[in-house]
């Protein structure tokens, strides 16, 4: 099982890498659809990583955003819960669904995901 979990974390890093490439390309070409897809891909990397973390701690894999937030609170990781909620709002709700174009906020959220991945690797 440890091998599968490690693969999940590598997958999260890989998805984030693709997201960052697409994000930079979207900014250079001013392509809003590529921007929206890139930021949602970055959020997907966070979902994979948070699922990895929760599975490693509790042996379960959450199936929804609310379940992830609930389990992070159960793990007494309100810091991660708050980051997850913030990144979800910025990248998924606002950028993808509402079409809000705010590259600075998106970059900030992507940096939070990178920090989280570094923490999970340790």
PDB file of N, CA and C in Angstrom:
ATOM      1  N   UNK A   1       0.812  -1.205   0.000  1.00  0.00           N
ATOM      2  CA  UNK A   1       0.000   0.000   0.000  1.00  0.00           C
ATOM      3  C   UNK A   1       0.850   1.261   0.000  1.00  0.00           C
ATOM      4  N   UNK A   2       2.009   1.230   0.664  1.00  0.00           N
ATOM      5  CA  UNK A   2       2.870   2.403   0.707  1.00  0.00           C
ATOM      6  C   UNK A   2       3.291   2.822  -0.692  1.00  0.00           C
ATOM      7  N   UNK A   3       3.521   1.864  -1.584  1.00  0.00           N
ATOM      8  CA  UNK A   3       3.884   2.188  -2.959  1.00  0.00           C
ATOM      9  C   UNK A   3       2.800   2.971  -3.658  1.00  0.00           C
ATOM     10  N   UNK A   4       1.541   2.587  -3.455  1.00  0.00           N
ATOM     11  CA  UNK A   4       0.426   3.301  -4.069  1.00  0.00           C
ATOM     12  C   UNK A   4       0.324   4.720  -3.542  1.00  0.00           C
ATOM     13  N   UNK A   5       0.556   4.886  -2.258  1.00  0.00           N
ATOM     14  CA  UNK A   5       0.488   6.221  -1.668  1.00  0.00           C
ATOM     15  C   UNK A   5       1.601   7.093  -2.236  1.00  0.00           C
ATOM     16  N   UNK A   6       2.808   6.552  -2.336  1.00  0.00           N
ATOM     17  CA  UNK A   6       3.906   7.321  -2.904  1.00  0.00           C
ATOM     18  C   UNK A   6       3.598   7.728  -4.342  1.00  0.00           C
ATOM     19  N   UNK A   7       2.977   6.825  -5.097  1.00  0.00           N
ATOM     20  CA  UNK A   7       2.589   7.132  -6.467  1.00  0.00           C
ATOM     21  C   UNK A   7       1.588   8.285  -6.480  1.00  0.00           C
ATOM     22  N   UNK A   8       0.689   8.324  -5.507  1.00  0.00           N
ATOM     23  CA  UNK A   8      -0.282   9.411  -5.443  1.00  0.00           C
ATOM     24  C   UNK A   8       0.400  10.755  -5.258  1.00  0.00           C
ATOM     25  N   UNK A   9       1.393  10.801  -4.403  1.00  0.00           N
ATOM     26  CA  UNK A   9       2.088  12.066  -4.172  1.00  0.00           C
ATOM     27  C   UNK A   9       2.883  12.484  -5.415  1.00  0.00           C
ATOM     28  N   UNK A  10       3.498  11.522  -6.070  1.00  0.00           N
ATOM     29  CA  UNK A  10       4.207  11.819  -7.319  1.00  0.00           C
ATOM     30  C   UNK A  10       3.220  12.315  -8.372  1.00  0.00           C
ATOM     31  N   UNK A  11       2.050  11.707  -8.421  1.00  0.00           N
ATOM     32  CA  UNK A  11       1.019  12.151  -9.367  1.00  0.00           C
ATOM     33  C   UNK A  11       0.600  13.586  -9.085  1.00  0.00           C
ATOM     34  N   UNK A  12       0.436  13.923  -7.820  1.00  0.00           N
ATOM     35  CA  UNK A  12       0.064  15.292  -7.450  1.00  0.00           C
ATOM     36  C   UNK A  12       1.124  16.284  -7.926  1.00  0.00           C
ATOM     37  N   UNK A  13       2.383  15.922  -7.741  1.00  0.00           N
ATOM     38  CA  UNK A  13       3.469  16.799  -8.186  1.00  0.00           C
ATOM     39  C   UNK A  13       3.478  16.937  -9.697  1.00  0.00           C
ATOM     40  N   UNK A  14       3.231  15.847 -10.387  1.00  0.00           N
ATOM     41  CA  UNK A  14       3.220  15.861 -11.851  1.00  0.00           C
ATOM     42  C   UNK A  14       2.071  16.712 -12.378  1.00  0.00           C
ATOM     43  N   UNK A  15       0.900  16.545 -11.814  1.00  0.00           N
ATOM     44  CA  UNK A  15      -0.255  17.341 -12.233  1.00  0.00           C
ATOM     45  C   UNK A  15       0.016  18.825 -11.987  1.00  0.00           C
ATOM     46  N   UNK A  16       0.623  19.145 -10.849  1.00  0.00           N
ATOM     47  CA  UNK A  16       0.941  20.541 -10.552  1.00  0.00           C
ATOM     48  C   UNK A  16       1.955  21.093 -11.550  1.00  0.00           C
ATOM     49  N   UNK A  17       2.908  20.282 -11.928  1.00  0.00           N
ATOM     50  CA  UNK A  17       3.897  20.717 -12.910  1.00  0.00           C
ATOM     51  C   UNK A  17       3.226  21.062 -14.247  1.00  0.00           C
ATOM     52  N   UNK A  18       2.319  20.205 -14.700  1.00  0.00           N
ATOM     53  CA  UNK A  18       1.569  20.494 -15.929  1.00  0.00           C
ATOM     54  C   UNK A  18       0.730  21.757 -15.771  1.00  0.00           C
ATOM     55  N   UNK A  19       0.122  21.901 -14.615  1.00  0.00           N
ATOM     56  CA  UNK A  19      -0.711  23.079 -14.354  1.00  0.00           C
ATOM     57  C   UNK A  19       0.117  24.356 -14.443  1.00  0.00           C
ATOM     58  N   UNK A  20       1.298  24.336 -13.862  1.00  0.00           N
ATOM     59  CA  UNK A  20       2.153  25.527 -13.883  1.00  0.00           C
ATOM     60  C   UNK A  20       2.601  25.865 -15.297  1.00  0.00           C
ATOM     61  N   UNK A  21       2.917  24.850 -16.089  1.00  0.00           N
ATOM     62  CA  UNK A  21       3.290  25.086 -17.492  1.00  0.00           C
ATOM     63  C   UNK A  21       2.132  25.734 -18.243  1.00  0.00           C
ATOM     64  N   UNK A  22       0.938  25.168 -18.081  1.00  0.00           N
ATOM     65  CA  UNK A  22      -0.241  25.720 -18.753  1.00  0.00           C
ATOM     66  C   UNK A  22      -0.568  27.125 -18.256  1.00  0.00           C
ATOM     67  N   UNK A  23      -0.384  27.342 -16.965  1.00  0.00           N
ATOM     68  CA  UNK A  23      -0.650  28.649 -16.368  1.00  0.00           C
ATOM     69  C   UNK A  23       0.241  29.717 -16.999  1.00  0.00           C
ATOM     70  N   UNK A  24       1.536  29.430 -17.079  1.00  0.00           N
ATOM     71  CA  UNK A  24       2.471  30.393 -17.673  1.00  0.00           C
ATOM     72  C   UNK A  24       2.130  30.645 -19.141  1.00  0.00           C
ATOM     73  N   UNK A  25       1.809  29.578 -19.864  1.00  0.00           N
ATOM     74  CA  UNK A  25       1.432  29.726 -21.272  1.00  0.00           C
ATOM     75  C   UNK A  25       0.159  30.564 -21.398  1.00  0.00           C
ATOM     76  N   UNK A  26      -0.802  30.334 -20.514  1.00  0.00           N
ATOM     77  CA  UNK A  26      -2.053  31.100 -20.547  1.00  0.00           C
ATOM     78  C   UNK A  26      -1.801  32.585 -20.317  1.00  0.00           C
ATOM     79  N   UNK A  27      -0.898  32.891 -19.388  1.00  0.00           N
ATOM     80  CA  UNK A  27      -0.599  34.300 -19.124  1.00  0.00           C
ATOM     81  C   UNK A  27       0.089  34.947 -20.317  1.00  0.00           C
ATOM     82  N   UNK A  28       1.003  34.216 -20.947  1.00  0.00           N
ATOM     83  CA  UNK A  28       1.731  34.760 -22.109  1.00  0.00           C
ATOM     84  C   UNK A  28       0.817  34.971 -23.310  1.00  0.00           C
ATOM     85  N   UNK A  29      -0.131  34.069 -23.499  1.00  0.00           N
ATOM     86  CA  UNK A  29      -0.998  34.138 -24.674  1.00  0.00           C
ATOM     87  C   UNK A  29      -2.333  34.818 -24.387  1.00  0.00           C
ATOM     88  N   UNK A  30      -2.557  35.167 -23.126  1.00  0.00           N
ATOM     89  CA  UNK A  30      -3.815  35.787 -22.704  1.00  0.00           C
ATOM     90  C   UNK A  30      -5.016  34.904 -23.064  1.00  0.00           C
ATOM     91  N   UNK A  31      -4.858  33.590 -22.826  1.00  0.00           N
ATOM     92  CA  UNK A  31      -5.886  32.611 -23.161  1.00  0.00           C
ATOM     93  C   UNK A  31      -6.660  32.255 -21.888  1.00  0.00           C
ATOM     94  N   UNK A  32      -7.860  32.787 -21.770  1.00  0.00           N
ATOM     95  CA  UNK A  32      -8.638  32.606 -20.544  1.00  0.00           C
ATOM     96  C   UNK A  32      -9.058  31.155 -20.338  1.00  0.00           C
ATOM     97  N   UNK A  33      -9.353  30.428 -21.404  1.00  0.00           N
ATOM     98  CA  UNK A  33      -9.749  29.021 -21.236  1.00  0.00           C
ATOM     99  C   UNK A  33      -8.571  28.190 -20.744  1.00  0.00           C
ATOM    100  N   UNK A  34      -7.395  28.440 -21.272  1.00  0.00           N
ATOM    101  CA  UNK A  34      -6.208  27.729 -20.805  1.00  0.00           C
ATOM    102  C   UNK A  34      -5.917  28.100 -19.351  1.00  0.00           C
ATOM    103  N   UNK A  35      -6.110  29.363 -19.019  1.00  0.00           N
ATOM    104  CA  UNK A  35      -5.947  29.827 -17.634  1.00  0.00           C
ATOM    105  C   UNK A  35      -6.885  29.072 -16.703  1.00  0.00           C
ATOM    106  N   UNK A  36      -8.156  29.011 -17.079  1.00  0.00           N
ATOM    107  CA  UNK A  36      -9.146  28.340 -16.239  1.00  0.00           C
ATOM    108  C   UNK A  36      -8.823  26.854 -16.083  1.00  0.00           C
ATOM    109  N   UNK A  37      -8.426  26.211 -17.160  1.00  0.00           N
ATOM    110  CA  UNK A  37      -8.055  24.799 -17.079  1.00  0.00           C
ATOM    111  C   UNK A  37      -6.801  24.596 -16.245  1.00  0.00           C
ATOM    112  N   UNK A  38      -5.839  25.496 -16.383  1.00  0.00           N
ATOM    113  CA  UNK A  38      -4.578  25.372 -15.638  1.00  0.00           C
ATOM    114  C   UNK A  38      -4.805  25.495 -14.136  1.00  0.00           C
ATOM    115  N   UNK A  39      -5.601  26.461 -13.723  1.00  0.00           N
ATOM    116  CA  UNK A  39      -5.808  26.635 -12.282  1.00  0.00           C
ATOM    117  C   UNK A  39      -6.634  25.499 -11.700  1.00  0.00           C
ATOM    118  N   UNK A  40      -7.555  24.969 -12.492  1.00  0.00           N
ATOM    119  CA  UNK A  40      -8.321  23.831 -11.986  1.00  0.00           C
ATOM    120  C   UNK A  40      -7.443  22.580 -11.900  1.00  0.00           C
ATOM    121  N   UNK A  41      -6.509  22.455 -12.820  1.00  0.00           N
ATOM    122  CA  UNK A  41      -5.555  21.349 -12.765  1.00  0.00           C
ATOM    123  C   UNK A  41      -4.693  21.483 -11.498  1.00  0.00           C
ATOM    124  N   UNK A  42      -4.310  22.694 -11.172  1.00  0.00           N
ATOM    125  CA  UNK A  42      -3.540  22.920  -9.939  1.00  0.00           C
ATOM    126  C   UNK A  42      -4.368  22.499  -8.731  1.00  0.00           C
ATOM    127  N   UNK A  43      -5.647  22.833  -8.730  1.00  0.00           N
ATOM    128  CA  UNK A  43      -6.512  22.417  -7.625  1.00  0.00           C
ATOM    129  C   UNK A  43      -6.625  20.902  -7.561  1.00  0.00           C
ATOM    130  N   UNK A  44      -6.699  20.250  -8.716  1.00  0.00           N
ATOM    131  CA  UNK A  44      -6.726  18.784  -8.742  1.00  0.00           C
ATOM    132  C   UNK A  44      -5.487  18.211  -8.057  1.00  0.00           C
ATOM    133  N   UNK A  45      -4.338  18.833  -8.268  1.00  0.00           N
ATOM    134  CA  UNK A  45      -3.118  18.337  -7.604  1.00  0.00           C
ATOM    135  C   UNK A  45      -3.259  18.431  -6.090  1.00  0.00           C
ATOM    136  N   UNK A  46      -3.944  19.468  -5.620  1.00  0.00           N
ATOM    137  CA  UNK A  46      -4.167  19.600  -4.179  1.00  0.00           C
ATOM    138  C   UNK A  46      -5.108  18.508  -3.682  1.00  0.00           C
ATOM    139  N   UNK A  47      -6.138  18.207  -4.441  1.00  0.00           N
ATOM    140  CA  UNK A  47      -7.060  17.136  -4.050  1.00  0.00           C
ATOM    141  C   UNK A  47      -6.306  15.819  -3.910  1.00  0.00           C
ATOM    142  N   UNK A  48      -5.477  15.508  -4.896  1.00  0.00           N
ATOM    143  CA  UNK A  48      -4.696  14.264  -4.856  1.00  0.00           C
ATOM    144  C   UNK A  48      -3.797  14.248  -3.626  1.00  0.00           C
ATOM    145  N   UNK A  49      -3.135  15.371  -3.359  1.00  0.00           N
ATOM    146  CA  UNK A  49      -2.216  15.452  -2.224  1.00  0.00           C
ATOM    147  C   UNK A  49      -2.944  15.348  -0.885  1.00  0.00           C
ATOM    148  N   UNK A  50      -4.062  16.033  -0.748  1.00  0.00           N
ATOM    149  CA  UNK A  50      -4.825  15.972   0.504  1.00  0.00           C
ATOM    150  C   UNK A  50      -5.387  14.568   0.712  1.00  0.00           C
ATOM    151  N   UNK A  51      -5.852  13.944  -0.359  1.00  0.00           N
ATOM    152  CA  UNK A  51      -6.302  12.559  -0.246  1.00  0.00           C
ATOM    153  C   UNK A  51      -5.164  11.658   0.226  1.00  0.00           C
ATOM    154  N   UNK A  52      -3.967  11.864  -0.304  1.00  0.00           N
ATOM    155  CA  UNK A  52      -2.784  11.124   0.124  1.00  0.00           C
ATOM    156  C   UNK A  52      -2.564  11.306   1.624  1.00  0.00           C
ATOM    157  N   UNK A  53      -2.574  12.547   2.060  1.00  0.00           N
ATOM    158  CA  UNK A  53      -2.318  12.856   3.468  1.00  0.00           C
ATOM    159  C   UNK A  53      -3.354  12.192   4.374  1.00  0.00           C
ATOM    160  N   UNK A  54      -4.611  12.342   4.034  1.00  0.00           N
ATOM    161  CA  UNK A  54      -5.684  11.765   4.852  1.00  0.00           C
ATOM    162  C   UNK A  54      -5.596  10.246   4.852  1.00  0.00           C
ATOM    163  N   UNK A  55      -5.335   9.666   3.695  1.00  0.00           N
ATOM    164  CA  UNK A  55      -5.225   8.215   3.613  1.00  0.00           C
ATOM    165  C   UNK A  55      -4.059   7.710   4.454  1.00  0.00           C
ATOM    166  N   UNK A  56      -2.958   8.416   4.424  1.00  0.00           N
ATOM    167  CA  UNK A  56      -1.784   8.023   5.218  1.00  0.00           C
ATOM    168  C   UNK A  56      -2.089   8.087   6.707  1.00  0.00           C
ATOM    169  N   UNK A  57      -2.879   9.070   7.123  1.00  0.00           N
ATOM    170  CA  UNK A  57      -3.188   9.238   8.548  1.00  0.00           C
ATOM    171  C   UNK A  57      -4.354   8.375   9.037  1.00  0.00           C
ATOM    172  N   UNK A  58      -5.387   8.242   8.214  1.00  0.00           N
ATOM    173  CA  UNK A  58      -6.617   7.589   8.672  1.00  0.00           C
ATOM    174  C   UNK A  58      -6.963   6.303   7.923  1.00  0.00           C
ATOM    175  N   UNK A  59      -6.280   6.054   6.808  1.00  0.00           N
ATOM    176  CA  UNK A  59      -6.562   4.842   6.048  1.00  0.00           C
ATOM    177  C   UNK A  59      -7.830   4.901   5.217  1.00  0.00           C
ATOM    178  N   UNK A  60      -8.356   6.099   4.993  1.00  0.00           N
ATOM    179  CA  UNK A  60      -9.537   6.272   4.149  1.00  0.00           C
ATOM    180  C   UNK A  60      -9.236   7.326   3.082  1.00  0.00           C
ATOM    181  N   UNK A  61      -9.966   7.240   1.991  1.00  0.00           N
ATOM    182  CA  UNK A  61      -9.823   8.237   0.937  1.00  0.00           C
ATOM    183  C   UNK A  61     -11.130   9.011   0.821  1.00  0.00           C
ATOM    184  N   UNK A  62     -11.091  10.321   1.071  1.00  0.00           N
ATOM    185  CA  UNK A  62     -12.311  11.128   0.991  1.00  0.00           C
ATOM    186  C   UNK A  62     -12.855  11.167  -0.432  1.00  0.00           C
ATOM    187  N   UNK A  63     -14.155  11.308  -0.524  1.00  0.00           N
ATOM    188  CA  UNK A  63     -14.820  11.297  -1.823  1.00  0.00           C
ATOM    189  C   UNK A  63     -15.437  12.637  -2.201  1.00  0.00           C
ATOM    190  N   UNK A  64     -15.315  13.636  -1.339  1.00  0.00           N
ATOM    191  CA  UNK A  64     -15.905  14.943  -1.644  1.00  0.00           C
ATOM    192  C   UNK A  64     -15.118  16.039  -0.936  1.00  0.00           C
ATOM    193  N   UNK A  65     -15.369  17.271  -1.367  1.00  0.00           N
ATOM    194  CA  UNK A  65     -14.712  18.412  -0.729  1.00  0.00           C
ATOM    195  C   UNK A  65     -15.096  18.500   0.750  1.00  0.00           C
ATOM    196  N   UNK A  66     -16.372  18.326   1.035  1.00  0.00           N
ATOM    197  CA  UNK A  66     -16.818  18.438   2.432  1.00  0.00           C
ATOM    198  C   UNK A  66     -16.215  17.335   3.291  1.00  0.00           C
ATOM    199  N   UNK A  67     -16.073  16.135   2.740  1.00  0.00           N
ATOM    200  CA  UNK A  67     -15.459  15.052   3.506  1.00  0.00           C
ATOM    201  C   UNK A  67     -13.981  15.347   3.777  1.00  0.00           C
ATOM    202  N   UNK A  68     -13.286  15.925   2.801  1.00  0.00           N
ATOM    203  CA  UNK A  68     -11.882  16.302   3.013  1.00  0.00           C
ATOM    204  C   UNK A  68     -11.775  17.315   4.146  1.00  0.00           C
ATOM    205  N   UNK A  69     -12.611  18.339   4.097  1.00  0.00           N
ATOM    206  CA  UNK A  69     -12.556  19.368   5.146  1.00  0.00           C
ATOM    207  C   UNK A  69     -12.899  18.777   6.507  1.00  0.00           C
ATOM    208  N   UNK A  70     -13.898  17.915   6.559  1.00  0.00           N
ATOM    209  CA  UNK A  70     -14.279  17.254   7.810  1.00  0.00           C
ATOM    210  C   UNK A  70     -13.118  16.423   8.370  1.00  0.00           C
ATOM    211  N   UNK A  71     -12.485  15.635   7.513  1.00  0.00           N
ATOM    212  CA  UNK A  71     -11.398  14.766   7.976  1.00  0.00           C
ATOM    213  C   UNK A  71     -10.156  15.561   8.380  1.00  0.00           C
ATOM    214  N   UNK A  72      -9.897  16.665   7.700  1.00  0.00           N
ATOM    215  CA  UNK A  72      -8.770  17.508   8.119  1.00  0.00           C
ATOM    216  C   UNK A  72      -9.033  18.098   9.500  1.00  0.00           C
ATOM    217  N   UNK A  73     -10.271  18.483   9.754  1.00  0.00           N
ATOM    218  CA  UNK A  73     -10.624  18.982  11.084  1.00  0.00           C
ATOM    219  C   UNK A  73     -10.487  17.868  12.115  1.00  0.00           C
ATOM    220  N   UNK A  74     -10.939  16.664  11.775  1.00  0.00           N
ATOM    221  CA  UNK A  74     -10.816  15.508  12.662  1.00  0.00           C
ATOM    222  C   UNK A  74      -9.347  15.232  13.002  1.00  0.00           C
ATOM    223  N   UNK A  75      -8.457  15.470  12.031  1.00  0.00           N
ATOM    224  CA  UNK A  75      -7.019  15.283  12.240  1.00  0.00           C
ATOM    225  C   UNK A  75      -6.381  16.471  12.972  1.00  0.00           C
ATOM    226  N   UNK A  76      -7.219  17.434  13.336  1.00  0.00           N
ATOM    227  CA  UNK A  76      -6.757  18.662  13.998  1.00  0.00           C
ATOM    228  C   UNK A  76      -5.745  19.418  13.138  1.00  0.00           C
ATOM    229  N   UNK A  77      -6.038  19.451  11.840  1.00  0.00           N
ATOM    230  CA  UNK A  77      -5.214  20.199  10.897  1.00  0.00           C
ATOM    231  C   UNK A  77      -6.040  21.336  10.297  1.00  0.00           C
ATOM    232  N   UNK A  78      -6.497  22.195  11.191  1.00  0.00           N
ATOM    233  CA  UNK A  78      -7.287  23.336  10.753  1.00  0.00           C
ATOM    234  C   UNK A  78      -6.491  24.206   9.784  1.00  0.00           C
ATOM    235  N   UNK A  79      -5.159  24.223   9.923  1.00  0.00           N
ATOM    236  CA  UNK A  79      -4.325  24.980   8.992  1.00  0.00           C
ATOM    237  C   UNK A  79      -4.476  24.442   7.571  1.00  0.00           C
ATOM    238  N   UNK A  80      -4.433  23.124   7.411  1.00  0.00           N
ATOM    239  CA  UNK A  80      -4.605  22.531   6.088  1.00  0.00           C
ATOM    240  C   UNK A  80      -6.038  22.687   5.585  1.00  0.00           C
ATOM    241  N   UNK A  81      -6.972  22.577   6.498  1.00  0.00           N
ATOM    242  CA  UNK A  81      -8.379  22.745   6.131  1.00  0.00           C
ATOM    243  C   UNK A  81      -8.612  24.148   5.581  1.00  0.00           C
ATOM    244  N   UNK A  82      -8.049  25.145   6.244  1.00  0.00           N
ATOM    245  CA  UNK A  82      -8.206  26.524   5.798  1.00  0.00           C
ATOM    246  C   UNK A  82      -7.531  26.746   4.447  1.00  0.00           C
ATOM    247  N   UNK A  83      -6.329  26.189   4.264  1.00  0.00           N
ATOM    248  CA  UNK A  83      -5.640  26.316   2.974  1.00  0.00           C
ATOM    249  C   UNK A  83      -6.441  25.641   1.869  1.00  0.00           C
ATOM    250  N   UNK A  84      -6.938  24.445   2.164  1.00  0.00           N
ATOM    251  CA  UNK A  84      -7.731  23.715   1.177  1.00  0.00           C
ATOM    252  C   UNK A  84      -8.941  24.548   0.759  1.00  0.00           C
ATOM    253  N   UNK A  85      -9.660  25.068   1.729  1.00  0.00           N
ATOM    254  CA  UNK A  85     -10.852  25.864   1.428  1.00  0.00           C
ATOM    255  C   UNK A  85     -10.500  27.119   0.642  1.00  0.00           C
ATOM    256  N   UNK A  86      -9.418  27.787   1.017  1.00  0.00           N
ATOM    257  CA  UNK A  86      -8.994  29.013   0.339  1.00  0.00           C
ATOM    258  C   UNK A  86      -8.612  28.724  -1.109  1.00  0.00           C
ATOM    259  N   UNK A  87      -7.814  27.680  -1.300  1.00  0.00           N
ATOM    260  CA  UNK A  87      -7.372  27.326  -2.652  1.00  0.00           C
ATOM    261  C   UNK A  87      -8.564  26.884  -3.495  1.00  0.00           C
ATOM    262  N   UNK A  88      -9.479  26.130  -2.900  1.00  0.00           N
ATOM    263  CA  UNK A  88     -10.670  25.692  -3.636  1.00  0.00           C
ATOM    264  C   UNK A  88     -11.478  26.901  -4.100  1.00  0.00           C
ATOM    265  N   UNK A  89     -11.656  27.877  -3.221  1.00  0.00           N
ATOM    266  CA  UNK A  89     -12.431  29.070  -3.577  1.00  0.00           C
ATOM    267  C   UNK A  89     -11.723  29.854  -4.686  1.00  0.00           C
ATOM    268  N   UNK A  90     -10.415  30.053  -4.546  1.00  0.00           N
ATOM    269  CA  UNK A  90      -9.667  30.862  -5.515  1.00  0.00           C
ATOM    270  C   UNK A  90      -9.563  30.188  -6.880  1.00  0.00           C
ATOM    271  N   UNK A  91      -9.119  28.927  -6.878  1.00  0.00           N
ATOM    272  CA  UNK A  91      -8.820  28.269  -8.146  1.00  0.00           C
ATOM    273  C   UNK A  91     -10.028  27.579  -8.776  1.00  0.00           C
ATOM    274  N   UNK A  92     -10.833  26.950  -7.976  1.00  0.00           N
ATOM    275  CA  UNK A  92     -11.926  26.138  -8.509  1.00  0.00           C
ATOM    276  C   UNK A  92     -13.203  26.972  -8.663  1.00  0.00           C
ATOM    277  N   UNK A  93     -13.662  27.546  -7.571  1.00  0.00           N
ATOM    278  CA  UNK A  93     -14.924  28.280  -7.606  1.00  0.00           C
ATOM    279  C   UNK A  93     -14.819  29.565  -8.433  1.00  0.00           C
ATOM    280  N   UNK A  94     -13.849  30.402  -8.089  1.00  0.00           N
ATOM    281  CA  UNK A  94     -13.768  31.709  -8.741  1.00  0.00           C
ATOM    282  C   UNK A  94     -13.176  31.634 -10.146  1.00  0.00           C
ATOM    283  N   UNK A  95     -11.970  31.061 -10.262  1.00  0.00           N
ATOM    284  CA  UNK A  95     -11.296  31.068 -11.572  1.00  0.00           C
ATOM    285  C   UNK A  95     -11.988  30.158 -12.580  1.00  0.00           C
ATOM    286  N   UNK A  96     -12.255  28.916 -12.183  1.00  0.00           N
ATOM    287  CA  UNK A  96     -12.853  27.985 -13.141  1.00  0.00           C
ATOM    288  C   UNK A  96     -14.320  28.301 -13.394  1.00  0.00           C
ATOM    289  N   UNK A  97     -15.125  28.320 -12.352  1.00  0.00           N
ATOM    290  CA  UNK A  97     -16.567  28.442 -12.542  1.00  0.00           C
ATOM    291  C   UNK A  97     -17.038  29.862 -12.826  1.00  0.00           C
ATOM    292  N   UNK A  98     -16.473  30.827 -12.119  1.00  0.00           N
ATOM    293  CA  UNK A  98     -16.934  32.200 -12.299  1.00  0.00           C
ATOM    294  C   UNK A  98     -16.148  32.959 -13.371  1.00  0.00           C
ATOM    295  N   UNK A  99     -15.008  32.418 -13.773  1.00  0.00           N
ATOM    296  CA  UNK A  99     -14.193  33.074 -14.787  1.00  0.00           C
ATOM    297  C   UNK A  99     -13.412  34.270 -14.284  1.00  0.00           C
ATOM    298  N   UNK A 100     -13.199  34.338 -12.970  1.00  0.00           N
ATOM    299  CA  UNK A 100     -12.423  35.442 -12.403  1.00  0.00           C
ATOM    300  C   UNK A 100     -10.963  35.296 -12.848  1.00  0.00           C
ATOM    301  N   UNK A 101     -10.450  36.330 -13.459  1.00  0.00           N
ATOM    302  CA  UNK A 101      -9.064  36.334 -13.939  1.00  0.00           C
ATOM    303  C   UNK A 101      -8.236  37.171 -12.984  1.00  0.00           C
ATOM    304  N   UNK A 102      -7.517  36.498 -12.104  1.00  0.00           N
ATOM    305  CA  UNK A 102      -6.685  37.173 -11.118  1.00  0.00           C
ATOM    306  C   UNK A 102      -5.396  36.373 -10.965  1.00  0.00           C
ATOM    307  N   UNK A 103      -4.437  36.582 -11.868  1.00  0.00           N
ATOM    308  CA  UNK A 103      -3.205  35.796 -11.852  1.00  0.00           C
ATOM    309  C   UNK A 103      -2.420  35.872 -10.543  1.00  0.00           C
ATOM    310  N   UNK A 104      -2.450  37.023  -9.879  1.00  0.00           N
ATOM    311  CA  UNK A 104      -1.699  37.140  -8.619  1.00  0.00           C
ATOM    312  C   UNK A 104      -2.275  36.222  -7.542  1.00  0.00           C
ATOM    313  N   UNK A 105      -3.593  36.199  -7.422  1.00  0.00           N
ATOM    314  CA  UNK A 105      -4.234  35.304  -6.451  1.00  0.00           C
ATOM    315  C   UNK A 105      -4.010  33.846  -6.825  1.00  0.00           C
ATOM    316  N   UNK A 106      -4.069  33.556  -8.120  1.00  0.00           N
ATOM    317  CA  UNK A 106      -3.839  32.190  -8.585  1.00  0.00           C
ATOM    318  C   UNK A 106      -2.405  31.756  -8.273  1.00  0.00           C
ATOM    319  N   UNK A 107      -1.439  32.630  -8.507  1.00  0.00           N
ATOM    320  CA  UNK A 107      -0.036  32.306  -8.195  1.00  0.00           C
ATOM    321  C   UNK A 107       0.126  32.048  -6.697  1.00  0.00           C
ATOM    322  N   UNK A 108      -0.512  32.861  -5.887  1.00  0.00           N
ATOM    323  CA  UNK A 108      -0.459  32.671  -4.434  1.00  0.00           C
ATOM    324  C   UNK A 108      -1.012  31.296  -4.062  1.00  0.00           C
ATOM    325  N   UNK A 109      -2.147  30.927  -4.628  1.00  0.00           N
ATOM    326  CA  UNK A 109      -2.757  29.631  -4.333  1.00  0.00           C
ATOM    327  C   UNK A 109      -1.866  28.483  -4.803  1.00  0.00           C
ATOM    328  N   UNK A 110      -1.268  28.628  -5.969  1.00  0.00           N
ATOM    329  CA  UNK A 110      -0.364  27.589  -6.480  1.00  0.00           C
ATOM    330  C   UNK A 110       0.845  27.445  -5.562  1.00  0.00           C
ATOM    331  N   UNK A 111       1.343  28.548  -5.038  1.00  0.00           N
ATOM    332  CA  UNK A 111       2.457  28.483  -4.081  1.00  0.00           C
ATOM    333  C   UNK A 111       2.044  27.748  -2.807  1.00  0.00           C
ATOM    334  N   UNK A 112       0.811  27.954  -2.354  1.00  0.00           N
ATOM    335  CA  UNK A 112       0.323  27.212  -1.181  1.00  0.00           C
ATOM    336  C   UNK A 112       0.316  25.713  -1.449  1.00  0.00           C
ATOM    337  N   UNK A 113      -0.078  25.332  -2.642  1.00  0.00           N
ATOM    338  CA  UNK A 113      -0.086  23.912  -3.007  1.00  0.00           C
ATOM    339  C   UNK A 113       1.339  23.369  -2.998  1.00  0.00           C
ATOM    340  N   UNK A 114       2.280  24.121  -3.548  1.00  0.00           N
ATOM    341  CA  UNK A 114       3.678  23.678  -3.557  1.00  0.00           C
ATOM    342  C   UNK A 114       4.209  23.489  -2.141  1.00  0.00           C
ATOM    343  N   UNK A 115       3.900  24.426  -1.250  1.00  0.00           N
ATOM    344  CA  UNK A 115       4.332  24.309   0.152  1.00  0.00           C
ATOM    345  C   UNK A 115       3.741  23.058   0.793  1.00  0.00           C
ATOM    346  N   UNK A 116       2.476  22.802   0.523  1.00  0.00           N
ATOM    347  CA  UNK A 116       1.808  21.641   1.084  1.00  0.00           C
ATOM    348  C   UNK A 116       2.457  20.351   0.587  1.00  0.00           C
ATOM    349  N   UNK A 117       2.767  20.290  -0.687  1.00  0.00           N
ATOM    350  CA  UNK A 117       3.423  19.105  -1.239  1.00  0.00           C
ATOM    351  C   UNK A 117       4.784  18.866  -0.577  1.00  0.00           C
ATOM    352  N   UNK A 118       5.518  19.942  -0.352  1.00  0.00           N
ATOM    353  CA  UNK A 118       6.814  19.810   0.336  1.00  0.00           C
ATOM    354  C   UNK A 118       6.619  19.238   1.735  1.00  0.00           C
ATOM    355  N   UNK A 119       5.614  19.743   2.437  1.00  0.00           N
ATOM    356  CA  UNK A 119       5.327  19.237   3.792  1.00  0.00           C
ATOM    357  C   UNK A 119       4.995  17.741   3.747  1.00  0.00           C
ATOM    358  N   UNK A 120       4.170  17.350   2.808  1.00  0.00           N
ATOM    359  CA  UNK A 120       3.741  15.953   2.730  1.00  0.00           C
ATOM    360  C   UNK A 120       4.876  15.019   2.354  1.00  0.00           C
ATOM    361  N   UNK A 121       5.861  15.518   1.635  1.00  0.00           N
ATOM    362  CA  UNK A 121       7.011  14.674   1.270  1.00  0.00           C
ATOM    363  C   UNK A 121       7.857  14.318   2.486  1.00  0.00           C
ATOM    364  N   UNK A 122       7.775  15.128   3.528  1.00  0.00           N
ATOM    365  CA  UNK A 122       8.586  14.889   4.738  1.00  0.00           C
ATOM    366  C   UNK A 122       7.916  13.975   5.729  1.00  0.00           C
TER     367      UNK A 122
END
